[in-house]
Amino acid sequence: MLRTRLAFVALLGAALVFVVSASAAVPLLKGTDGPGFTITLKKGTTKVKSLKAGKYKIVIKDLSNIHNFRLTGPGLNKKTGVGPKGTFTWTVTLKKGTYKYVCDPHATIMKGSFKVT
């Protein structure tokens, strides 16, 4: 009887750990540059304007060989290269402050920003 209760408690604990870790998933952001002269950063289908500080997974789709995607902010400077097209994935920790994303060769027209609180 005691072994059965211990097994049940262990199983219940494992289930609780699974539920907690599943709910603590890292939020996903999607960045795109190109194929024209556009650059975006979205959470779902909404343009990112503000986020809470924390860990994020960012998937960049670089759709043009004349663009890149650079993200800068407090303690962060990540970029894709100009030339290679493809999908790039970063896991970053965003701190409070203002972040900017640009295409380096076309920074005057391809840019955006958001706040982290």
Protein backbone atom coordinates (compact mmCIF):
# COMPACT_ATOMS: atom_id res chain seq x y z
CA MET A 1 0.00 0.00 0.00
CA LEU A 2 2.82 2.41 0.89
CA ARG A 3 4.61 1.60 -2.38
CA THR A 4 1.45 2.32 -4.34
CA ARG A 5 1.03 5.70 -2.66
CA LEU A 6 4.69 6.58 -3.25
CA ALA A 7 4.40 5.62 -6.91
CA PHE A 8 1.25 7.74 -7.22
CA VAL A 9 2.92 10.75 -5.58
CA ALA A 10 5.96 10.38 -7.87
CA LEU A 11 3.71 10.17 -10.94
CA LEU A 12 1.73 13.21 -9.82
CA GLY A 13 4.96 15.17 -9.25
CA ALA A 14 6.24 14.28 -12.73
CA ALA A 15 2.96 15.40 -14.28
CA LEU A 16 3.14 18.70 -12.41
CA VAL A 17 6.70 19.33 -13.66
CA PHE A 18 5.54 18.66 -17.23
CA VAL A 19 2.61 21.10 -16.96
CA VAL A 20 4.78 23.85 -15.43
CA SER A 21 7.52 23.47 -18.07
CA ALA A 22 4.99 23.44 -20.91
CA SER A 23 3.41 26.68 -19.69
CA ALA A 24 6.84 28.34 -19.40
CA ALA A 25 7.56 28.03 -23.14
CA VAL A 26 9.80 30.67 -24.69
CA PRO A 27 7.70 33.21 -26.68
CA LEU A 28 8.27 33.24 -30.45
CA LEU A 29 8.95 36.36 -32.52
CA LYS A 30 9.16 36.32 -36.32
CA GLY A 31 11.36 38.69 -38.28
CA THR A 32 11.40 39.13 -42.05
CA ASP A 33 13.50 41.17 -44.44
CA GLY A 34 12.69 41.38 -48.13
CA PRO A 35 11.97 40.38 -50.74
CA GLY A 36 11.23 44.06 -51.42
CA PHE A 37 12.37 46.91 -49.18
CA THR A 38 10.46 45.79 -46.08
CA ILE A 39 11.54 44.64 -42.65
CA THR A 40 9.20 43.40 -39.93
CA LEU A 41 9.21 41.89 -36.46
CA LYS A 42 5.98 40.25 -35.31
CA LYS A 43 4.55 38.27 -32.44
CA GLY A 44 1.92 36.13 -34.10
CA THR A 45 0.46 38.43 -36.76
CA THR A 46 0.95 41.66 -34.79
CA LYS A 47 3.86 44.04 -35.28
CA VAL A 48 5.98 44.18 -32.12
CA LYS A 49 5.66 47.55 -30.37
CA SER A 50 6.37 46.51 -26.79
CA LEU A 51 7.39 43.36 -24.95
CA LYS A 52 8.04 42.27 -21.40
CA ALA A 53 11.67 41.63 -20.44
CA GLY A 54 12.68 37.99 -20.72
CA LYS A 55 13.82 35.20 -22.99
CA TYR A 56 12.55 35.02 -26.60
CA LYS A 57 13.09 32.79 -29.62
CA ILE A 58 13.42 34.88 -32.79
CA VAL A 59 13.11 33.27 -36.22
CA ILE A 60 14.38 35.50 -39.03
CA LYS A 61 13.37 34.83 -42.64
CA ASP A 62 15.91 36.57 -44.84
CA LEU A 63 14.20 36.68 -48.24
CA SER A 64 16.72 38.73 -50.23
CA ASN A 65 20.45 38.59 -50.90
CA ILE A 66 20.75 42.40 -50.72
CA HIS A 67 19.36 42.73 -47.17
CA ASN A 68 20.15 41.62 -43.65
CA PHE A 69 18.39 41.79 -40.28
CA ARG A 70 20.19 43.43 -37.34
CA LEU A 71 18.66 43.65 -33.84
CA THR A 72 20.31 45.95 -31.29
CA GLY A 73 19.43 47.04 -27.78
CA PRO A 74 20.72 46.87 -24.21
CA GLY A 75 23.51 44.28 -24.35
CA LEU A 76 22.36 42.86 -27.70
CA ASN A 77 23.75 43.10 -31.23
CA LYS A 78 22.65 40.20 -33.46
CA LYS A 79 22.60 40.14 -37.25
CA THR A 80 22.25 37.99 -40.31
CA GLY A 81 24.67 38.45 -43.18
CA VAL A 82 24.07 40.43 -46.35
CA GLY A 83 24.01 37.88 -49.14
CA PRO A 84 22.79 34.61 -47.70
CA LYS A 85 19.07 34.01 -47.86
CA GLY A 86 17.45 31.58 -45.46
CA THR A 87 15.99 31.11 -42.01
CA PHE A 88 18.00 31.99 -38.92
CA THR A 89 17.04 31.30 -35.30
CA TRP A 90 18.24 33.20 -32.25
CA THR A 91 17.40 32.76 -28.58
CA VAL A 92 17.89 36.07 -26.79
CA THR A 93 17.19 37.62 -23.42
CA LEU A 94 15.66 41.08 -23.78
CA LYS A 95 16.29 43.58 -21.00
CA LYS A 96 14.36 46.77 -20.26
CA GLY A 97 15.02 49.47 -22.85
CA THR A 98 14.59 50.35 -26.52
CA TYR A 99 15.50 47.92 -29.28
CA LYS A 100 15.98 48.67 -32.96
CA TYR A 101 15.99 46.42 -36.00
CA VAL A 102 17.34 47.49 -39.38
CA CYS A 103 18.69 46.30 -42.68
CA ASP A 104 22.24 47.67 -42.56
CA PRO A 105 22.55 48.53 -46.29
CA HIS A 106 19.14 50.26 -46.30
CA ALA A 107 18.90 51.53 -42.70
CA THR A 108 17.25 54.83 -43.66
CA ILE A 109 14.17 53.09 -45.09
CA MET A 110 14.17 49.58 -43.58
CA LYS A 111 13.92 50.01 -39.83
CA GLY A 112 11.73 49.51 -36.78
CA SER A 113 11.88 49.68 -33.01
CA PHE A 114 10.11 48.50 -29.87
CA LYS A 115 10.26 48.97 -26.11
CA VAL A 116 10.91 46.31 -23.50
CA THR A 117 9.48 46.90 -20.03
